[in-house]
Amino acid sequence: MLQRIQRIAEHLKKATGGFTPETGIILGTGLSGLGKEIDVQYAIPYGDIPEFPVSTVQGHPGRLLFGRLGGRSVVAMQGRFHFYEGWTMDEVVLPVRVMKFLGIQRLFVSNACGGVNPAFEVGDLMILNDHICLFPNPLIGRNIDELGPRFPDMSEPYDHALIARARAIAQQHGIAVREGCYVGLTGPTLETPAEYHYVRVIGGDAVGMSTVPEVIAARHMGLPCFAMSVITDMGVKGRIEKTTHEMVQRVAEGAEPKLTRIMQDLIASC
């Protein structure tokens, strides 16, 4: 795996003329529009990258964007990989590891998810301050010492300083934000009423099918992380409605300008 990561990173360095990003960005369902704010110097489809997975989910364009955002050099994934697509966990987190080898110093992540906190509303933005991993842990197996320690500390999965800065930016722009704990499930089914209830009972505020594996891999490598969710549907008794992927995309796209504003200013401040 280490050799594969190194080969992909070397290919991308050659393809981009040695471009060195400071910040890595993962854009989730319906949230790829932040890519429009990037002054793109190189856009590379996943299918053109040897040994790289290819996203199969509607709403995930499937490209790596290299350029500048908020005055900072960035590499952005327009579309991520999910465990439910049939990828192994090593493949799900492969792009984060490659970005680390390209030079990123921090990771920003977005996602669309369901809310289980009754105080939340559809369309809310939530800053992640913790998570619960109900995926197979991506670090299971032989540890790659060149990436990080066998038993990485997870007492601060989401960087406290970045969270505080994001709150201040949101307040400055008059954008209401929530904070909470994200619970990662495998999918691809949306949750049953009993599963939503379970997620709330164990301490979750929101539930989704991504983010957690990538953050674990990033923290294993010592990268500070920041993540935001768009609450696209509610898993609260009396408020559960039939939900489709298209509905999730529409809500995520509607909240995108606010998320983009916060992310752009936060990246610029790093």
C-alpha atoms as a PDB file:
ATOM      1  CA  MET A   1       0.000   0.000   0.000  1.00  0.00           C
ATOM      2  CA  LEU A   2       2.787   2.443   0.846  1.00  0.00           C
ATOM      3  CA  GLN A   3       4.378   1.909  -2.567  1.00  0.00           C
ATOM      4  CA  ARG A   4       1.001   2.453  -4.259  1.00  0.00           C
ATOM      5  CA  ILE A   5       0.517   5.739  -2.391  1.00  0.00           C
ATOM      6  CA  GLN A   6       3.995   6.865  -3.385  1.00  0.00           C
ATOM      7  CA  ARG A   7       3.471   5.923  -7.063  1.00  0.00           C
ATOM      8  CA  ILE A   8       0.199   7.867  -7.274  1.00  0.00           C
ATOM      9  CA  ALA A   9       1.730  10.899  -5.531  1.00  0.00           C
ATOM     10  CA  GLU A  10       4.704  10.876  -7.903  1.00  0.00           C
ATOM     11  CA  HIS A  11       2.381  10.625 -10.922  1.00  0.00           C
ATOM     12  CA  LEU A  12       0.362  13.624  -9.709  1.00  0.00           C
ATOM     13  CA  LYS A  13       3.489  15.665  -8.983  1.00  0.00           C
ATOM     14  CA  LYS A  14       4.655  15.120 -12.538  1.00  0.00           C
ATOM     15  CA  ALA A  15       1.194  15.837 -13.975  1.00  0.00           C
ATOM     16  CA  THR A  16       0.981  19.146 -12.084  1.00  0.00           C
ATOM     17  CA  GLY A  17       4.545  20.336 -12.525  1.00  0.00           C
ATOM     18  CA  GLY A  18       5.401  19.756  -8.875  1.00  0.00           C
ATOM     19  CA  PHE A  19       2.364  21.619  -7.464  1.00  0.00           C
ATOM     20  CA  THR A  20       2.492  21.449  -3.643  1.00  0.00           C
ATOM     21  CA  PRO A  21      -0.881  21.957  -1.920  1.00  0.00           C
ATOM     22  CA  GLU A  22      -1.072  23.262   1.642  1.00  0.00           C
ATOM     23  CA  THR A  23      -4.672  22.175   2.242  1.00  0.00           C
ATOM     24  CA  GLY A  24      -6.646  19.108   1.200  1.00  0.00           C
ATOM     25  CA  ILE A  25     -10.408  19.361   0.650  1.00  0.00           C
ATOM     26  CA  ILE A  26     -13.001  16.579   0.283  1.00  0.00           C
ATOM     27  CA  LEU A  27     -16.310  17.736  -1.202  1.00  0.00           C
ATOM     28  CA  GLY A  28     -19.332  15.530  -0.619  1.00  0.00           C
ATOM     29  CA  THR A  29     -22.776  15.019  -2.130  1.00  0.00           C
ATOM     30  CA  GLY A  30     -24.166  18.190  -3.699  1.00  0.00           C
ATOM     31  CA  LEU A  31     -21.272  20.219  -2.331  1.00  0.00           C
ATOM     32  CA  SER A  32     -18.835  20.167  -5.235  1.00  0.00           C
ATOM     33  CA  GLY A  33     -19.612  23.817  -6.073  1.00  0.00           C
ATOM     34  CA  LEU A  34     -16.809  24.994  -3.798  1.00  0.00           C
ATOM     35  CA  GLY A  35     -14.647  23.826  -6.650  1.00  0.00           C
ATOM     36  CA  LYS A  36     -16.007  26.739  -8.701  1.00  0.00           C
ATOM     37  CA  GLU A  37     -14.322  29.114  -6.255  1.00  0.00           C
ATOM     38  CA  ILE A  38     -10.926  27.523  -6.788  1.00  0.00           C
ATOM     39  CA  ASP A  39      -8.584  29.162  -9.270  1.00  0.00           C
ATOM     40  CA  VAL A  40      -7.937  25.802 -10.911  1.00  0.00           C
ATOM     41  CA  GLN A  41      -4.546  25.178 -12.447  1.00  0.00           C
ATOM     42  CA  TYR A  42      -4.977  21.448 -13.018  1.00  0.00           C
ATOM     43  CA  ALA A  43      -8.148  19.305 -13.112  1.00  0.00           C
ATOM     44  CA  ILE A  44      -7.430  15.597 -13.302  1.00  0.00           C
ATOM     45  CA  PRO A  45     -10.261  13.024 -13.635  1.00  0.00           C
ATOM     46  CA  TYR A  46      -9.880  10.077 -11.286  1.00  0.00           C
ATOM     47  CA  GLY A  47      -9.983   7.757 -14.285  1.00  0.00           C
ATOM     48  CA  ASP A  48      -6.773   9.336 -15.588  1.00  0.00           C
ATOM     49  CA  ILE A  49      -4.838   8.582 -12.396  1.00  0.00           C
ATOM     50  CA  PRO A  50      -3.175   5.137 -12.403  1.00  0.00           C
ATOM     51  CA  GLU A  51      -4.186   2.901  -9.456  1.00  0.00           C
ATOM     52  CA  PHE A  52      -6.752   5.463  -8.233  1.00  0.00           C
ATOM     53  CA  PRO A  53     -10.392   4.498  -7.487  1.00  0.00           C
ATOM     54  CA  VAL A  54     -13.279   6.023  -9.501  1.00  0.00           C
ATOM     55  CA  SER A  55     -16.356   7.501  -7.794  1.00  0.00           C
ATOM     56  CA  THR A  56     -19.672   5.893  -8.767  1.00  0.00           C
ATOM     57  CA  VAL A  57     -22.119   8.101  -6.849  1.00  0.00           C
ATOM     58  CA  GLN A  58     -24.450  10.609  -8.516  1.00  0.00           C
ATOM     59  CA  GLY A  59     -23.429  14.155  -7.563  1.00  0.00           C
ATOM     60  CA  HIS A  60     -19.737  13.286  -7.311  1.00  0.00           C
ATOM     61  CA  PRO A  61     -17.945  14.608 -10.447  1.00  0.00           C
ATOM     62  CA  GLY A  62     -14.818  12.569  -9.777  1.00  0.00           C
ATOM     63  CA  ARG A  63     -11.875  14.937 -10.283  1.00  0.00           C
ATOM     64  CA  LEU A  64      -8.873  16.215  -8.384  1.00  0.00           C
ATOM     65  CA  LEU A  65      -8.598  19.991  -8.593  1.00  0.00           C
ATOM     66  CA  PHE A  66      -5.236  21.678  -7.989  1.00  0.00           C
ATOM     67  CA  GLY A  67      -5.209  25.437  -7.588  1.00  0.00           C
ATOM     68  CA  ARG A  68      -5.641  28.352  -5.217  1.00  0.00           C
ATOM     69  CA  LEU A  69      -8.490  29.192  -2.868  1.00  0.00           C
ATOM     70  CA  GLY A  70      -8.463  32.110  -0.468  1.00  0.00           C
ATOM     71  CA  GLY A  71      -4.847  32.751  -1.411  1.00  0.00           C
ATOM     72  CA  ARG A  72      -3.813  29.221  -0.406  1.00  0.00           C
ATOM     73  CA  SER A  73      -2.664  26.321  -2.544  1.00  0.00           C
ATOM     74  CA  VAL A  74      -5.191  23.475  -2.364  1.00  0.00           C
ATOM     75  CA  VAL A  75      -6.029  20.077  -3.761  1.00  0.00           C
ATOM     76  CA  ALA A  76      -9.744  19.278  -3.754  1.00  0.00           C
ATOM     77  CA  MET A  77     -11.557  16.009  -4.315  1.00  0.00           C
ATOM     78  CA  GLN A  78     -14.749  16.619  -6.278  1.00  0.00           C
ATOM     79  CA  GLY A  79     -16.316  13.370  -5.200  1.00  0.00           C
ATOM     80  CA  ARG A  80     -15.188  10.873  -2.576  1.00  0.00           C
ATOM     81  CA  PHE A  81     -15.212   7.102  -2.217  1.00  0.00           C
ATOM     82  CA  HIS A  82     -17.594   5.249   0.076  1.00  0.00           C
ATOM     83  CA  PHE A  83     -17.352   1.857   1.754  1.00  0.00           C
ATOM     84  CA  TYR A  84     -20.827   1.004   0.414  1.00  0.00           C
ATOM     85  CA  GLU A  85     -19.571   1.270  -3.175  1.00  0.00           C
ATOM     86  CA  GLY A  86     -17.595  -1.897  -2.548  1.00  0.00           C
ATOM     87  CA  TRP A  87     -14.206  -0.279  -2.017  1.00  0.00           C
ATOM     88  CA  THR A  88     -12.002  -1.599   0.752  1.00  0.00           C
ATOM     89  CA  MET A  89     -11.258   0.781   3.598  1.00  0.00           C
ATOM     90  CA  ASP A  90      -7.710   1.113   2.279  1.00  0.00           C
ATOM     91  CA  GLU A  91      -9.162   2.427  -0.995  1.00  0.00           C
ATOM     92  CA  VAL A  92     -11.641   4.739   0.751  1.00  0.00           C
ATOM     93  CA  VAL A  93      -8.818   6.530   2.586  1.00  0.00           C
ATOM     94  CA  LEU A  94      -6.229   6.229  -0.188  1.00  0.00           C
ATOM     95  CA  PRO A  95      -6.799   9.799  -1.503  1.00  0.00           C
ATOM     96  CA  VAL A  96      -6.175  11.322   1.937  1.00  0.00           C
ATOM     97  CA  ARG A  97      -2.902   9.458   2.201  1.00  0.00           C
ATOM     98  CA  VAL A  98      -1.919  10.544  -1.301  1.00  0.00           C
ATOM     99  CA  MET A  99      -2.722  14.179  -0.450  1.00  0.00           C
ATOM    100  CA  LYS A 100      -0.463  13.927   2.597  1.00  0.00           C
ATOM    101  CA  PHE A 101       2.363  12.725   0.336  1.00  0.00           C
ATOM    102  CA  LEU A 102       1.657  15.676  -1.964  1.00  0.00           C
ATOM    103  CA  GLY A 103       2.338  17.999   0.957  1.00  0.00           C
ATOM    104  CA  ILE A 104      -0.986  18.981   2.589  1.00  0.00           C
ATOM    105  CA  GLN A 105      -0.772  20.261   6.160  1.00  0.00           C
ATOM    106  CA  ARG A 106      -4.477  20.056   7.054  1.00  0.00           C
ATOM    107  CA  LEU A 107      -7.708  18.435   5.808  1.00  0.00           C
ATOM    108  CA  PHE A 108     -11.135  20.022   5.262  1.00  0.00           C
ATOM    109  CA  VAL A 109     -14.160  17.776   4.713  1.00  0.00           C
ATOM    110  CA  SER A 110     -17.827  18.327   3.900  1.00  0.00           C
ATOM    111  CA  ASN A 111     -20.774  15.971   3.734  1.00  0.00           C
ATOM    112  CA  ALA A 112     -24.555  15.716   3.558  1.00  0.00           C
ATOM    113  CA  CYS A 113     -26.173  13.824   6.417  1.00  0.00           C
ATOM    114  CA  GLY A 114     -29.304  13.157   8.434  1.00  0.00           C
ATOM    115  CA  GLY A 115     -30.023  15.017  11.662  1.00  0.00           C
ATOM    116  CA  VAL A 116     -31.065  13.188  14.829  1.00  0.00           C
ATOM    117  CA  ASN A 117     -30.842  16.139  17.223  1.00  0.00           C
ATOM    118  CA  PRO A 118     -34.431  17.429  17.605  1.00  0.00           C
ATOM    119  CA  ALA A 119     -33.135  21.017  17.787  1.00  0.00           C
ATOM    120  CA  PHE A 120     -31.854  20.771  14.205  1.00  0.00           C
ATOM    121  CA  GLU A 121     -33.706  21.672  11.002  1.00  0.00           C
ATOM    122  CA  VAL A 122     -33.316  20.580   7.403  1.00  0.00           C
ATOM    123  CA  GLY A 123     -30.750  22.856   5.733  1.00  0.00           C
ATOM    124  CA  ASP A 124     -28.764  23.530   8.917  1.00  0.00           C
ATOM    125  CA  LEU A 125     -24.976  23.540   8.839  1.00  0.00           C
ATOM    126  CA  MET A 126     -23.232  21.508  11.539  1.00  0.00           C
ATOM    127  CA  ILE A 127     -19.584  21.789  12.511  1.00  0.00           C
ATOM    128  CA  LEU A 128     -18.302  18.403  13.600  1.00  0.00           C
ATOM    129  CA  ASN A 129     -16.719  18.399  17.046  1.00  0.00           C
ATOM    130  CA  ASP A 130     -16.524  14.626  17.435  1.00  0.00           C
ATOM    131  CA  HIS A 131     -17.528  11.384  15.758  1.00  0.00           C
ATOM    132  CA  ILE A 132     -18.468   7.777  16.465  1.00  0.00           C
ATOM    133  CA  CYS A 133     -17.081   5.201  14.057  1.00  0.00           C
ATOM    134  CA  LEU A 134     -19.451   2.341  13.214  1.00  0.00           C
ATOM    135  CA  PHE A 135     -17.433   1.480  10.110  1.00  0.00           C
ATOM    136  CA  PRO A 136     -14.656  -1.108  10.112  1.00  0.00           C
ATOM    137  CA  ASN A 137     -11.722   1.016  11.270  1.00  0.00           C
ATOM    138  CA  PRO A 138      -9.498   1.918   8.272  1.00  0.00           C
ATOM    139  CA  LEU A 139      -6.373   1.290  10.356  1.00  0.00           C
ATOM    140  CA  ILE A 140      -7.151  -2.400  10.942  1.00  0.00           C
ATOM    141  CA  GLY A 141      -4.350  -4.584   9.619  1.00  0.00           C
ATOM    142  CA  ARG A 142      -0.599  -4.193   9.584  1.00  0.00           C
ATOM    143  CA  ASN A 143       0.348  -0.665  10.566  1.00  0.00           C
ATOM    144  CA  ILE A 144       2.276   1.377   8.003  1.00  0.00           C
ATOM    145  CA  ASP A 145       4.810   3.020  10.292  1.00  0.00           C
ATOM    146  CA  GLU A 146       5.707   5.596   7.628  1.00  0.00           C
ATOM    147  CA  LEU A 147       2.142   6.944   7.907  1.00  0.00           C
ATOM    148  CA  GLY A 148       1.707   7.017  11.670  1.00  0.00           C
ATOM    149  CA  PRO A 149       1.744   5.107  14.970  1.00  0.00           C
ATOM    150  CA  ARG A 150       0.035   1.787  15.627  1.00  0.00           C
ATOM    151  CA  PHE A 151      -2.286   3.363  18.221  1.00  0.00           C
ATOM    152  CA  PRO A 152      -2.985   6.973  17.176  1.00  0.00           C
ATOM    153  CA  ASP A 153      -4.498   9.345  19.705  1.00  0.00           C
ATOM    154  CA  MET A 154      -8.049  10.469  18.842  1.00  0.00           C
ATOM    155  CA  SER A 155      -8.732  12.858  21.720  1.00  0.00           C
ATOM    156  CA  GLU A 156      -9.051  15.732  19.209  1.00  0.00           C
ATOM    157  CA  PRO A 157     -10.350  14.318  15.917  1.00  0.00           C
ATOM    158  CA  TYR A 158     -11.496  17.791  14.807  1.00  0.00           C
ATOM    159  CA  ASP A 159      -9.128  20.668  15.454  1.00  0.00           C
ATOM    160  CA  HIS A 160     -10.347  22.917  18.263  1.00  0.00           C
ATOM    161  CA  ALA A 161      -8.636  26.033  16.911  1.00  0.00           C
ATOM    162  CA  LEU A 162     -10.181  25.581  13.447  1.00  0.00           C
ATOM    163  CA  ILE A 163     -13.619  25.050  15.010  1.00  0.00           C
ATOM    164  CA  ALA A 164     -13.315  28.276  17.024  1.00  0.00           C
ATOM    165  CA  ARG A 165     -12.180  30.174  13.936  1.00  0.00           C
ATOM    166  CA  ALA A 166     -15.073  28.773  11.884  1.00  0.00           C
ATOM    167  CA  ARG A 167     -17.581  29.856  14.540  1.00  0.00           C
ATOM    168  CA  ALA A 168     -16.187  33.385  14.420  1.00  0.00           C
ATOM    169  CA  ILE A 169     -16.336  33.470  10.608  1.00  0.00           C
ATOM    170  CA  ALA A 170     -19.926  32.238  10.610  1.00  0.00           C
ATOM    171  CA  GLN A 171     -20.907  34.894  13.145  1.00  0.00           C
ATOM    172  CA  GLN A 172     -19.170  37.574  11.107  1.00  0.00           C
ATOM    173  CA  HIS A 173     -21.273  36.636   8.058  1.00  0.00           C
ATOM    174  CA  GLY A 174     -24.493  36.146  10.020  1.00  0.00           C
ATOM    175  CA  ILE A 175     -24.583  32.423   9.245  1.00  0.00           C
ATOM    176  CA  ALA A 176     -26.162  30.187  11.865  1.00  0.00           C
ATOM    177  CA  VAL A 177     -24.190  27.016  12.558  1.00  0.00           C
ATOM    178  CA  ARG A 178     -24.727  24.021  14.803  1.00  0.00           C
ATOM    179  CA  GLU A 179     -22.078  21.846  16.415  1.00  0.00           C
ATOM    180  CA  GLY A 180     -22.297  18.165  17.110  1.00  0.00           C
ATOM    181  CA  CYS A 181     -21.166  14.578  16.935  1.00  0.00           C
ATOM    182  CA  TYR A 182     -21.361  12.732  13.614  1.00  0.00           C
ATOM    183  CA  VAL A 183     -22.007   8.991  13.566  1.00  0.00           C
ATOM    184  CA  GLY A 184     -20.606   7.113  10.575  1.00  0.00           C
ATOM    185  CA  LEU A 185     -22.568   4.109   9.259  1.00  0.00           C
ATOM    186  CA  THR A 186     -21.801   1.984   6.221  1.00  0.00           C
ATOM    187  CA  GLY A 187     -25.009   2.530   4.207  1.00  0.00           C
ATOM    188  CA  PRO A 188     -26.134   2.433   1.458  1.00  0.00           C
ATOM    189  CA  THR A 189     -29.598   2.174   3.027  1.00  0.00           C
ATOM    190  CA  LEU A 190     -30.868   5.263   4.754  1.00  0.00           C
ATOM    191  CA  GLU A 191     -31.578   4.629   8.407  1.00  0.00           C
ATOM    192  CA  THR A 192     -34.699   3.007   9.843  1.00  0.00           C
ATOM    193  CA  PRO A 193     -36.574   4.881  12.607  1.00  0.00           C
ATOM    194  CA  ALA A 194     -35.032   2.503  15.157  1.00  0.00           C
ATOM    195  CA  GLU A 195     -31.547   3.137  13.779  1.00  0.00           C
ATOM    196  CA  TYR A 196     -32.050   6.908  13.952  1.00  0.00           C
ATOM    197  CA  HIS A 197     -33.133   6.479  17.569  1.00  0.00           C
ATOM    198  CA  TYR A 198     -30.088   4.324  18.313  1.00  0.00           C
ATOM    199  CA  VAL A 199     -27.752   6.937  16.831  1.00  0.00           C
ATOM    200  CA  ARG A 200     -29.263   9.591  19.081  1.00  0.00           C
ATOM    201  CA  VAL A 201     -29.118   7.374  22.183  1.00  0.00           C
ATOM    202  CA  ILE A 202     -25.391   6.678  21.739  1.00  0.00           C
ATOM    203  CA  GLY A 203     -24.608  10.397  21.509  1.00  0.00           C
ATOM    204  CA  GLY A 204     -24.990  11.352  17.869  1.00  0.00           C
ATOM    205  CA  ASP A 205     -26.373  14.593  16.501  1.00  0.00           C
ATOM    206  CA  ALA A 206     -26.129  13.560  12.853  1.00  0.00           C
ATOM    207  CA  VAL A 207     -25.591  10.385  10.860  1.00  0.00           C
ATOM    208  CA  GLY A 208     -23.978   9.744   7.494  1.00  0.00           C
ATOM    209  CA  MET A 209     -21.979   7.346   5.336  1.00  0.00           C
ATOM    210  CA  SER A 210     -18.623   9.105   4.975  1.00  0.00           C
ATOM    211  CA  THR A 211     -16.061  11.437   6.606  1.00  0.00           C
ATOM    212  CA  VAL A 212     -15.121   9.299   9.600  1.00  0.00           C
ATOM    213  CA  PRO A 213     -12.714   6.943   7.762  1.00  0.00           C
ATOM    214  CA  GLU A 214     -10.962   9.846   6.034  1.00  0.00           C
ATOM    215  CA  VAL A 215     -10.565  11.757   9.295  1.00  0.00           C
ATOM    216  CA  ILE A 216      -9.182   8.703  11.084  1.00  0.00           C
ATOM    217  CA  ALA A 217      -6.609   8.252   8.308  1.00  0.00           C
ATOM    218  CA  ALA A 218      -5.722  11.951   8.418  1.00  0.00           C
ATOM    219  CA  ARG A 219      -5.295  12.012  12.183  1.00  0.00           C
ATOM    220  CA  HIS A 220      -3.162   8.857  11.949  1.00  0.00           C
ATOM    221  CA  MET A 221      -0.807  10.953   9.803  1.00  0.00           C
ATOM    222  CA  GLY A 222      -0.936  13.933  12.170  1.00  0.00           C
ATOM    223  CA  LEU A 223      -3.092  16.169   9.963  1.00  0.00           C
ATOM    224  CA  PRO A 224      -5.435  18.641  11.707  1.00  0.00           C
ATOM    225  CA  CYS A 225      -9.012  18.192  10.458  1.00  0.00           C
ATOM    226  CA  PHE A 226     -12.094  20.354  10.060  1.00  0.00           C
ATOM    227  CA  ALA A 227     -15.464  19.080   8.841  1.00  0.00           C
ATOM    228  CA  MET A 228     -18.932  20.484   8.203  1.00  0.00           C
ATOM    229  CA  SER A 229     -22.218  18.764   7.438  1.00  0.00           C
ATOM    230  CA  VAL A 230     -25.385  19.918   5.733  1.00  0.00           C
ATOM    231  CA  ILE A 231     -28.423  18.445   7.485  1.00  0.00           C
ATOM    232  CA  THR A 232     -30.494  17.209   4.529  1.00  0.00           C
ATOM    233  CA  ASP A 233     -33.216  15.221   6.327  1.00  0.00           C
ATOM    234  CA  MET A 234     -34.407  14.581   9.863  1.00  0.00           C
ATOM    235  CA  GLY A 235     -34.350  11.279  11.714  1.00  0.00           C
ATOM    236  CA  VAL A 236     -36.446  12.419  14.650  1.00  0.00           C
ATOM    237  CA  LYS A 237     -39.690  10.700  15.656  1.00  0.00           C
ATOM    238  CA  GLY A 238     -42.625  12.464  14.013  1.00  0.00           C
ATOM    239  CA  ARG A 239     -40.369  14.211  11.484  1.00  0.00           C
ATOM    240  CA  ILE A 240     -39.090  11.228   9.488  1.00  0.00           C
ATOM    241  CA  GLU A 241     -40.083  11.385   5.835  1.00  0.00           C
ATOM    242  CA  LYS A 242     -39.321   9.231   2.827  1.00  0.00           C
ATOM    243  CA  THR A 243     -35.994  10.487   1.470  1.00  0.00           C
ATOM    244  CA  THR A 244     -34.275  10.046  -1.890  1.00  0.00           C
ATOM    245  CA  HIS A 245     -30.711  10.783  -2.962  1.00  0.00           C
ATOM    246  CA  GLU A 246     -32.073  13.501  -5.267  1.00  0.00           C
ATOM    247  CA  MET A 247     -33.737  15.227  -2.304  1.00  0.00           C
ATOM    248  CA  VAL A 248     -30.479  15.071  -0.361  1.00  0.00           C
ATOM    249  CA  GLN A 249     -28.640  16.663  -3.292  1.00  0.00           C
ATOM    250  CA  ARG A 250     -31.164  19.500  -3.602  1.00  0.00           C
ATOM    251  CA  VAL A 251     -30.955  20.429   0.080  1.00  0.00           C
ATOM    252  CA  ALA A 252     -27.147  20.215   0.050  1.00  0.00           C
ATOM    253  CA  GLU A 253     -26.943  22.446  -3.020  1.00  0.00           C
ATOM    254  CA  GLY A 254     -29.250  24.992  -1.374  1.00  0.00           C
ATOM    255  CA  ALA A 255     -26.978  25.248   1.661  1.00  0.00           C
ATOM    256  CA  GLU A 256     -23.811  25.265  -0.412  1.00  0.00           C
ATOM    257  CA  PRO A 257     -23.251  29.072  -0.608  1.00  0.00           C
ATOM    258  CA  LYS A 258     -23.111  29.360   3.192  1.00  0.00           C
ATOM    259  CA  LEU A 259     -20.805  26.387   3.565  1.00  0.00           C
ATOM    260  CA  THR A 260     -18.597  27.716   0.772  1.00  0.00           C
ATOM    261  CA  ARG A 261     -18.299  31.114   2.463  1.00  0.00           C
ATOM    262  CA  ILE A 262     -17.179  29.588   5.770  1.00  0.00           C
ATOM    263  CA  MET A 263     -14.791  27.097   4.185  1.00  0.00           C
ATOM    264  CA  GLN A 264     -13.216  29.689   1.893  1.00  0.00           C
ATOM    265  CA  ASP A 265     -12.598  32.199   4.682  1.00  0.00           C
ATOM    266  CA  LEU A 266     -11.339  29.494   7.037  1.00  0.00           C
ATOM    267  CA  ILE A 267      -8.860  28.178   4.479  1.00  0.00           C
ATOM    268  CA  ALA A 268      -7.682  31.723   3.801  1.00  0.00           C
ATOM    269  CA  SER A 269      -7.019  32.206   7.501  1.00  0.00           C
ATOM    270  CA  CYS A 270      -4.715  29.198   7.832  1.00  0.00           C
END
